[in-house]
Each structure stands twice: as structure tokens, then as C-alpha cells.
Protein backbone atom coordinates (compact mmCIF):
# COMPACT_ATOMS: atom_id res chain seq x y z
CA MET A 1 26.74 -3.08 -14.18
CA SER A 2 23.13 -1.75 -13.59
CA ALA A 3 21.78 -0.54 -10.31
CA LEU A 4 19.23 -2.40 -8.36
CA LEU A 5 15.95 -0.77 -7.23
CA GLN A 6 14.34 -2.07 -3.92
CA LEU A 7 10.75 -2.04 -3.70
CA THR A 8 7.74 -3.99 -2.36
CA VAL A 9 5.14 -6.00 -3.96
CA ASP A 10 2.49 -7.19 -1.44
CA ALA A 11 4.70 -6.14 1.47
CA GLN A 12 7.45 -8.83 0.04
CA PRO A 13 10.87 -6.95 -0.71
CA VAL A 14 11.80 -7.31 -4.79
CA GLN A 15 14.99 -6.07 -6.43
CA VAL A 16 14.85 -5.33 -10.23
CA PRO A 17 17.36 -3.33 -12.25
CA ALA A 18 16.81 0.21 -12.82
CA GLY A 19 15.15 0.63 -16.07
CA ALA A 20 12.60 -2.19 -15.33
CA THR A 21 8.94 -1.81 -15.06
CA VAL A 22 6.32 -2.66 -12.21
CA ALA A 23 5.33 -5.72 -14.21
CA VAL A 24 9.02 -7.38 -13.89
CA ALA A 25 8.69 -6.64 -10.23
CA VAL A 26 5.28 -8.26 -9.82
CA ALA A 27 6.60 -11.49 -12.10
CA LEU A 28 9.67 -11.66 -9.88
CA ALA A 29 7.38 -11.56 -6.69
CA GLY A 30 5.96 -14.81 -8.02
CA GLY A 31 1.91 -13.92 -7.63
CA PRO A 32 -0.64 -13.18 -10.00
CA PHE A 33 -1.29 -9.51 -10.63
CA ARG A 34 -4.87 -9.98 -10.17
CA ARG A 35 -7.90 -12.71 -10.11
CA SER A 36 -10.98 -12.84 -12.23
CA ARG A 37 -14.35 -12.90 -10.96
CA ASN A 38 -14.11 -16.75 -10.81
CA GLY A 39 -10.97 -16.42 -8.71
CA GLU A 40 -8.87 -17.70 -11.57
CA PRO A 41 -5.27 -15.87 -11.64
CA ARG A 42 -4.75 -13.16 -14.40
CA ALA A 43 -1.44 -11.85 -15.98
CA PRO A 44 -0.46 -9.09 -18.42
CA LEU A 45 -1.48 -10.35 -22.05
CA CYS A 46 0.23 -7.48 -24.29
CA GLY A 47 2.91 -6.05 -22.31
CA MET A 48 2.13 -2.55 -23.73
CA GLY A 49 -0.87 -1.02 -21.86
CA VAL A 50 -3.60 -2.01 -24.02
CA CYS A 51 -5.20 -5.20 -22.31
CA PHE A 52 -5.27 -3.63 -18.61
CA GLU A 53 -4.78 -7.00 -17.11
CA CYS A 54 -1.63 -5.71 -14.99
CA ARG A 55 -3.62 -2.99 -13.17
CA VAL A 56 -2.20 -2.73 -9.47
CA ARG A 57 -2.17 -0.22 -6.77
CA ILE A 58 1.14 1.55 -6.34
CA ASP A 59 1.89 3.88 -3.51
CA GLY A 60 -1.73 4.16 -2.80
CA VAL A 61 -2.86 4.97 -6.24
CA ALA A 62 -5.11 2.23 -8.05
CA GLN A 63 -5.71 0.93 -11.19
CA LEU A 64 -2.36 1.76 -12.75
CA ARG A 65 -0.73 -0.47 -15.52
CA ALA A 66 2.33 -2.07 -14.01
CA CYS A 67 3.78 -2.68 -17.73
CA MET A 68 3.91 0.86 -18.54
CA THR A 69 5.12 1.95 -15.00
CA ALA A 70 9.03 2.45 -14.22
CA ALA A 71 10.13 1.00 -11.07
CA ARG A 72 11.35 3.19 -8.42
CA ASP A 73 13.21 2.59 -5.18
CA GLY A 74 11.03 2.53 -2.30
CA MET A 75 7.66 1.91 -4.21
CA ALA A 76 4.96 0.01 -2.49
CA VAL A 77 2.67 -2.26 -4.98
CA LEU A 78 -0.18 -4.18 -4.34
CA THR A 79 -1.67 -6.76 -6.52
CA ASP A 80 -5.38 -7.85 -7.18
CA ASP A 81 -6.76 -4.62 -5.59
């Protein structure tokens, strides 16, 4: 059985299996990753770091790609930043 990691996405606690990316945690939290200039919700398109649609703030560092960042216990993720 895989260990579970606990992190927060927009202050909401989320658990993901060890080895999951931050994108998985954001998806489980249920909200959009970011919004377009018109306010439309955006989400990852490629899942491999090319489209940059999954950018989030992690532990105070902005513009990190959630699909390319491994989730860690205690991580604080902010979307739409």
C-alpha cells in the first residue's frame, strides 16, 4: 500500500499517494488551476510541462508547473496566483 502525503491547496487539506504530482492534488481539490483574462477556468493541457497552464504558487514560489512538481508532505499550494 502506498503512503499518503498531506498538503494544502488553497488552504484546503488534500491527500495524495506518494509519487503523485502537485497537479493531482489540485485536481482532487476540485478547483481550477488558474483563470484566463476573461475569467474562464484553465487546466493543464499537456501534463508534461510544455503548455504552462498548470502554474501555481508552491510554498511561496510563484509560477511553478504543478504537473512537473512532485507532491511533498506539508506543501502549501495556491492556485490562480
